[in-house]
Amino acid sequence: MTDTPRNVVRALRKIGFIQVRARGSHRYFKRGTVVIPVPDHPGDMNQKTFHRILRLAGLTVEDYRDLR
């Protein structure tokens, strides 16, 4: 499974991540000590990138689907 950066950002915000900065083609979201870079481009993101973001956020694919 993969999704667009816009939908991933929406899910991260729902679980308490806030954007702390944007640099180049990435936006950075933070909750506590965890900082997650999210690519900011149109279309679906790479599957490995998507799953890495979920892992850093402490989410499973099922958790992510429930947030949508």
PDB file of N, CA and C in Angstrom:
ATOM      1  N   MET A   1       0.838  -1.180   0.000  1.00  0.00           N
ATOM      2  CA  MET A   1       0.000   0.000   0.000  1.00  0.00           C
ATOM      3  C   MET A   1       0.880   1.240   0.000  1.00  0.00           C
ATOM      4  N   THR A   2       0.420   2.276  -0.647  1.00  0.00           N
ATOM      5  CA  THR A   2       1.083   3.572  -0.643  1.00  0.00           C
ATOM      6  C   THR A   2       0.011   4.648  -0.759  1.00  0.00           C
ATOM      7  N   ASP A   3       0.390   5.896  -0.604  1.00  0.00           N
ATOM      8  CA  ASP A   3      -0.573   6.990  -0.659  1.00  0.00           C
ATOM      9  C   ASP A   3       0.151   8.272  -1.043  1.00  0.00           C
ATOM     10  N   THR A   4      -0.609   9.344  -1.170  1.00  0.00           N
ATOM     11  CA  THR A   4      -0.016  10.630  -1.527  1.00  0.00           C
ATOM     12  C   THR A   4       0.539  11.311  -0.276  1.00  0.00           C
ATOM     13  N   PRO A   5       1.533  12.166  -0.441  1.00  0.00           N
ATOM     14  CA  PRO A   5       2.062  12.907   0.707  1.00  0.00           C
ATOM     15  C   PRO A   5       0.985  13.714   1.432  1.00  0.00           C
ATOM     16  N   ARG A   6       0.040  14.272   0.690  1.00  0.00           N
ATOM     17  CA  ARG A   6      -1.024  15.071   1.305  1.00  0.00           C
ATOM     18  C   ARG A   6      -1.831  14.239   2.308  1.00  0.00           C
ATOM     19  N   ASN A   7      -2.180  13.016   1.942  1.00  0.00           N
ATOM     20  CA  ASN A   7      -2.951  12.154   2.845  1.00  0.00           C
ATOM     21  C   ASN A   7      -2.121  11.692   4.038  1.00  0.00           C
ATOM     22  N   VAL A   8      -0.837  11.459   3.821  1.00  0.00           N
ATOM     23  CA  VAL A   8       0.052  11.063   4.919  1.00  0.00           C
ATOM     24  C   VAL A   8       0.171  12.206   5.925  1.00  0.00           C
ATOM     25  N   VAL A   9       0.326  13.428   5.436  1.00  0.00           N
ATOM     26  CA  VAL A   9       0.409  14.601   6.316  1.00  0.00           C
ATOM     27  C   VAL A   9      -0.873  14.731   7.127  1.00  0.00           C
ATOM     28  N   ARG A  10      -1.997  14.543   6.492  1.00  0.00           N
ATOM     29  CA  ARG A  10      -3.293  14.624   7.181  1.00  0.00           C
ATOM     30  C   ARG A  10      -3.363  13.611   8.328  1.00  0.00           C
ATOM     31  N   ALA A  11      -2.906  12.394   8.072  1.00  0.00           N
ATOM     32  CA  ALA A  11      -2.926  11.350   9.101  1.00  0.00           C
ATOM     33  C   ALA A  11      -1.963  11.684  10.238  1.00  0.00           C
ATOM     34  N   LEU A  12      -0.766  12.180   9.904  1.00  0.00           N
ATOM     35  CA  LEU A  12       0.198  12.542  10.942  1.00  0.00           C
ATOM     36  C   LEU A  12      -0.358  13.637  11.845  1.00  0.00           C
ATOM     37  N   ARG A  13      -1.027  14.616  11.262  1.00  0.00           N
ATOM     38  CA  ARG A  13      -1.613  15.695  12.072  1.00  0.00           C
ATOM     39  C   ARG A  13      -2.702  15.164  12.993  1.00  0.00           C
ATOM     40  N   LYS A  14      -3.461  14.187  12.534  1.00  0.00           N
ATOM     41  CA  LYS A  14      -4.529  13.613  13.365  1.00  0.00           C
ATOM     42  C   LYS A  14      -3.979  12.937  14.614  1.00  0.00           C
ATOM     43  N   ILE A  15      -2.752  12.413  14.539  1.00  0.00           N
ATOM     44  CA  ILE A  15      -2.197  11.727  15.712  1.00  0.00           C
ATOM     45  C   ILE A  15      -1.220  12.605  16.491  1.00  0.00           C
ATOM     46  N   GLY A  16      -1.239  13.922  16.212  1.00  0.00           N
ATOM     47  CA  GLY A  16      -0.498  14.849  17.056  1.00  0.00           C
ATOM     48  C   GLY A  16       0.825  15.362  16.537  1.00  0.00           C
ATOM     49  N   PHE A  17       1.211  15.045  15.322  1.00  0.00           N
ATOM     50  CA  PHE A  17       2.443  15.586  14.761  1.00  0.00           C
ATOM     51  C   PHE A  17       2.188  16.998  14.261  1.00  0.00           C
ATOM     52  N   ILE A  18       3.174  17.869  14.457  1.00  0.00           N
ATOM     53  CA  ILE A  18       3.072  19.235  13.946  1.00  0.00           C
ATOM     54  C   ILE A  18       4.245  19.497  13.011  1.00  0.00           C
ATOM     55  N   GLN A  19       4.004  20.334  12.010  1.00  0.00           N
ATOM     56  CA  GLN A  19       5.074  20.667  11.076  1.00  0.00           C
ATOM     57  C   GLN A  19       6.020  21.645  11.753  1.00  0.00           C
ATOM     58  N   VAL A  20       7.306  21.299  11.752  1.00  0.00           N
ATOM     59  CA  VAL A  20       8.293  22.161  12.393  1.00  0.00           C
ATOM     60  C   VAL A  20       9.131  22.935  11.386  1.00  0.00           C
ATOM     61  N   ARG A  21       9.240  22.417  10.164  1.00  0.00           N
ATOM     62  CA  ARG A  21       9.964  23.159   9.135  1.00  0.00           C
ATOM     63  C   ARG A  21       9.725  22.517   7.777  1.00  0.00           C
ATOM     64  N   ALA A  22      10.086  23.273   6.762  1.00  0.00           N
ATOM     65  CA  ALA A  22      10.047  22.762   5.389  1.00  0.00           C
ATOM     66  C   ALA A  22      11.360  23.173   4.747  1.00  0.00           C
ATOM     67  N   ARG A  23      11.956  22.232   4.045  1.00  0.00           N
ATOM     68  CA  ARG A  23      13.237  22.527   3.425  1.00  0.00           C
ATOM     69  C   ARG A  23      13.305  21.769   2.105  1.00  0.00           C
ATOM     70  N   GLY A  24      13.504  22.493   1.035  1.00  0.00           N
ATOM     71  CA  GLY A  24      13.565  21.849  -0.271  1.00  0.00           C
ATOM     72  C   GLY A  24      12.244  21.186  -0.601  1.00  0.00           C
ATOM     73  N   SER A  25      12.286  19.917  -0.901  1.00  0.00           N
ATOM     74  CA  SER A  25      11.073  19.193  -1.286  1.00  0.00           C
ATOM     75  C   SER A  25      10.539  18.319  -0.157  1.00  0.00           C
ATOM     76  N   HIS A  26      10.887  18.634   1.090  1.00  0.00           N
ATOM     77  CA  HIS A  26      10.414  17.846   2.231  1.00  0.00           C
ATOM     78  C   HIS A  26       9.839  18.757   3.313  1.00  0.00           C
ATOM     79  N   ARG A  27       8.836  18.231   4.014  1.00  0.00           N
ATOM     80  CA  ARG A  27       8.309  18.889   5.204  1.00  0.00           C
ATOM     81  C   ARG A  27       8.623  17.981   6.384  1.00  0.00           C
ATOM     82  N   TYR A  28       8.926  18.574   7.522  1.00  0.00           N
ATOM     83  CA  TYR A  28       9.333  17.820   8.706  1.00  0.00           C
ATOM     84  C   TYR A  28       8.280  17.977   9.795  1.00  0.00           C
ATOM     85  N   PHE A  29       7.853  16.836  10.342  1.00  0.00           N
ATOM     86  CA  PHE A  29       6.820  16.806  11.369  1.00  0.00           C
ATOM     87  C   PHE A  29       7.393  16.207  12.643  1.00  0.00           C
ATOM     88  N   LYS A  30       6.970  16.780  13.786  1.00  0.00           N
ATOM     89  CA  LYS A  30       7.542  16.372  15.066  1.00  0.00           C
ATOM     90  C   LYS A  30       6.437  16.101  16.079  1.00  0.00           C
ATOM     91  N   ARG A  31       6.683  15.064  16.898  1.00  0.00           N
ATOM     92  CA  ARG A  31       5.859  14.771  18.072  1.00  0.00           C
ATOM     93  C   ARG A  31       6.816  14.219  19.105  1.00  0.00           C
ATOM     94  N   GLY A  32       6.968  14.929  20.204  1.00  0.00           N
ATOM     95  CA  GLY A  32       7.949  14.519  21.208  1.00  0.00           C
ATOM     96  C   GLY A  32       9.346  14.633  20.635  1.00  0.00           C
ATOM     97  N   THR A  33      10.088  13.533  20.630  1.00  0.00           N
ATOM     98  CA  THR A  33      11.449  13.552  20.088  1.00  0.00           C
ATOM     99  C   THR A  33      11.523  12.971  18.682  1.00  0.00           C
ATOM    100  N   VAL A  34      10.391  12.537  18.144  1.00  0.00           N
ATOM    101  CA  VAL A  34      10.363  11.907  16.818  1.00  0.00           C
ATOM    102  C   VAL A  34      10.154  12.970  15.743  1.00  0.00           C
ATOM    103  N   VAL A  35      11.067  13.020  14.782  1.00  0.00           N
ATOM    104  CA  VAL A  35      10.945  13.927  13.641  1.00  0.00           C
ATOM    105  C   VAL A  35      10.849  13.078  12.378  1.00  0.00           C
ATOM    106  N   ILE A  36       9.824  13.342  11.579  1.00  0.00           N
ATOM    107  CA  ILE A  36       9.582  12.553  10.372  1.00  0.00           C
ATOM    108  C   ILE A  36       9.633  13.453   9.143  1.00  0.00           C
ATOM    109  N   PRO A  37      10.556  13.174   8.216  1.00  0.00           N
ATOM    110  CA  PRO A  37      10.558  13.918   6.951  1.00  0.00           C
ATOM    111  C   PRO A  37       9.526  13.311   5.994  1.00  0.00           C
ATOM    112  N   VAL A  38       8.735  14.175   5.373  1.00  0.00           N
ATOM    113  CA  VAL A  38       7.726  13.720   4.412  1.00  0.00           C
ATOM    114  C   VAL A  38       7.977  14.436   3.094  1.00  0.00           C
ATOM    115  N   PRO A  39       8.163  13.684   1.999  1.00  0.00           N
ATOM    116  CA  PRO A  39       8.370  14.331   0.708  1.00  0.00           C
ATOM    117  C   PRO A  39       7.135  15.137   0.319  1.00  0.00           C
ATOM    118  N   ASP A  40       7.363  16.268  -0.326  1.00  0.00           N
ATOM    119  CA  ASP A  40       6.273  17.157  -0.711  1.00  0.00           C
ATOM    120  C   ASP A  40       6.238  17.259  -2.227  1.00  0.00           C
ATOM    121  N   HIS A  41       5.603  16.279  -2.863  1.00  0.00           N
ATOM    122  CA  HIS A  41       5.498  16.273  -4.317  1.00  0.00           C
ATOM    123  C   HIS A  41       4.164  15.655  -4.716  1.00  0.00           C
ATOM    124  N   PRO A  42       3.704  15.907  -5.938  1.00  0.00           N
ATOM    125  CA  PRO A  42       2.426  15.335  -6.367  1.00  0.00           C
ATOM    126  C   PRO A  42       2.542  13.836  -6.634  1.00  0.00           C
ATOM    127  N   GLY A  43       1.424  13.146  -6.566  1.00  0.00           N
ATOM    128  CA  GLY A  43       1.398  11.716  -6.864  1.00  0.00           C
ATOM    129  C   GLY A  43       1.728  10.868  -5.654  1.00  0.00           C
ATOM    130  N   ASP A  44       1.654   9.563  -5.842  1.00  0.00           N
ATOM    131  CA  ASP A  44       1.947   8.621  -4.763  1.00  0.00           C
ATOM    132  C   ASP A  44       3.435   8.602  -4.437  1.00  0.00           C
ATOM    133  N   MET A  45       3.735   8.393  -3.150  1.00  0.00           N
ATOM    134  CA  MET A  45       5.133   8.298  -2.749  1.00  0.00           C
ATOM    135  C   MET A  45       5.614   6.857  -2.894  1.00  0.00           C
ATOM    136  N   ASN A  46       6.909   6.691  -2.861  1.00  0.00           N
ATOM    137  CA  ASN A  46       7.538   5.378  -2.940  1.00  0.00           C
ATOM    138  C   ASN A  46       7.042   4.508  -1.786  1.00  0.00           C
ATOM    139  N   GLN A  47       6.838   3.232  -2.052  1.00  0.00           N
ATOM    140  CA  GLN A  47       6.303   2.323  -1.035  1.00  0.00           C
ATOM    141  C   GLN A  47       7.230   2.206   0.175  1.00  0.00           C
ATOM    142  N   LYS A  48       8.543   2.148  -0.050  1.00  0.00           N
ATOM    143  CA  LYS A  48       9.484   2.055   1.075  1.00  0.00           C
ATOM    144  C   LYS A  48       9.423   3.311   1.931  1.00  0.00           C
ATOM    145  N   THR A  49       9.317   4.463   1.290  1.00  0.00           N
ATOM    146  CA  THR A  49       9.217   5.726   2.018  1.00  0.00           C
ATOM    147  C   THR A  49       7.943   5.757   2.852  1.00  0.00           C
ATOM    148  N   PHE A  50       6.848   5.346   2.263  1.00  0.00           N
ATOM    149  CA  PHE A  50       5.557   5.321   2.947  1.00  0.00           C
ATOM    150  C   PHE A  50       5.617   4.441   4.197  1.00  0.00           C
ATOM    151  N   HIS A  51       6.142   3.233   4.058  1.00  0.00           N
ATOM    152  CA  HIS A  51       6.215   2.316   5.198  1.00  0.00           C
ATOM    153  C   HIS A  51       7.209   2.796   6.254  1.00  0.00           C
ATOM    154  N   ARG A  52       8.268   3.478   5.846  1.00  0.00           N
ATOM    155  CA  ARG A  52       9.217   4.036   6.815  1.00  0.00           C
ATOM    156  C   ARG A  52       8.544   5.124   7.653  1.00  0.00           C
ATOM    157  N   ILE A  53       7.753   5.972   7.000  1.00  0.00           N
ATOM    158  CA  ILE A  53       7.032   7.023   7.716  1.00  0.00           C
ATOM    159  C   ILE A  53       6.064   6.400   8.720  1.00  0.00           C
ATOM    160  N   LEU A  54       5.342   5.370   8.300  1.00  0.00           N
ATOM    161  CA  LEU A  54       4.421   4.699   9.228  1.00  0.00           C
ATOM    162  C   LEU A  54       5.165   4.112  10.418  1.00  0.00           C
ATOM    163  N   ARG A  55       6.307   3.474  10.151  1.00  0.00           N
ATOM    164  CA  ARG A  55       7.090   2.861  11.236  1.00  0.00           C
ATOM    165  C   ARG A  55       7.573   3.930  12.217  1.00  0.00           C
ATOM    166  N   LEU A  56       8.083   5.048  11.705  1.00  0.00           N
ATOM    167  CA  LEU A  56       8.556   6.125  12.578  1.00  0.00           C
ATOM    168  C   LEU A  56       7.416   6.721  13.404  1.00  0.00           C
ATOM    169  N   ALA A  57       6.222   6.765  12.824  1.00  0.00           N
ATOM    170  CA  ALA A  57       5.064   7.323  13.525  1.00  0.00           C
ATOM    171  C   ALA A  57       4.438   6.319  14.491  1.00  0.00           C
ATOM    172  N   GLY A  58       4.886   5.069  14.434  1.00  0.00           N
ATOM    173  CA  GLY A  58       4.330   4.046  15.311  1.00  0.00           C
ATOM    174  C   GLY A  58       2.986   3.527  14.830  1.00  0.00           C
ATOM    175  N   LEU A  59       2.759   3.561  13.524  1.00  0.00           N
ATOM    176  CA  LEU A  59       1.492   3.124  12.945  1.00  0.00           C
ATOM    177  C   LEU A  59       1.665   1.850  12.129  1.00  0.00           C
ATOM    178  N   THR A  60       0.626   1.052  12.090  1.00  0.00           N
ATOM    179  CA  THR A  60       0.574  -0.062  11.154  1.00  0.00           C
ATOM    180  C   THR A  60      -0.260   0.396   9.960  1.00  0.00           C
ATOM    181  N   VAL A  61      -0.265  -0.387   8.905  1.00  0.00           N
ATOM    182  CA  VAL A  61      -1.074  -0.048   7.733  1.00  0.00           C
ATOM    183  C   VAL A  61      -2.552  -0.006   8.120  1.00  0.00           C
ATOM    184  N   GLU A  62      -2.970  -0.911   8.989  1.00  0.00           N
ATOM    185  CA  GLU A  62      -4.361  -0.933   9.437  1.00  0.00           C
ATOM    186  C   GLU A  62      -4.702   0.330  10.229  1.00  0.00           C
ATOM    187  N   ASP A  63      -3.785   0.763  11.105  1.00  0.00           N
ATOM    188  CA  ASP A  63      -3.993   2.008  11.850  1.00  0.00           C
ATOM    189  C   ASP A  63      -4.134   3.183  10.891  1.00  0.00           C
ATOM    190  N   TYR A  64      -3.275   3.207   9.881  1.00  0.00           N
ATOM    191  CA  TYR A  64      -3.305   4.290   8.898  1.00  0.00           C
ATOM    192  C   TYR A  64      -4.641   4.305   8.159  1.00  0.00           C
ATOM    193  N   ARG A  65      -5.114   3.138   7.755  1.00  0.00           N
ATOM    194  CA  ARG A  65      -6.406   3.063   7.051  1.00  0.00           C
ATOM    195  C   ARG A  65      -7.538   3.587   7.930  1.00  0.00           C
ATOM    196  N   ASP A  66      -7.478   3.295   9.226  1.00  0.00           N
ATOM    197  CA  ASP A  66      -8.512   3.771  10.144  1.00  0.00           C
ATOM    198  C   ASP A  66      -8.495   5.288  10.283  1.00  0.00           C
ATOM    199  N   LEU A  67      -7.338   5.915  10.121  1.00  0.00           N
ATOM    200  CA  LEU A  67      -7.227   7.370  10.232  1.00  0.00           C
ATOM    201  C   LEU A  67      -7.806   8.087   9.018  1.00  0.00           C
ATOM    202  N   ARG A  68      -7.866   7.403   7.901  1.00  0.00           N
ATOM    203  CA  ARG A  68      -8.365   8.030   6.675  1.00  0.00           C
ATOM    204  C   ARG A  68      -9.821   8.132   6.714  1.00  0.00           C
TER     205      ARG A  68
END
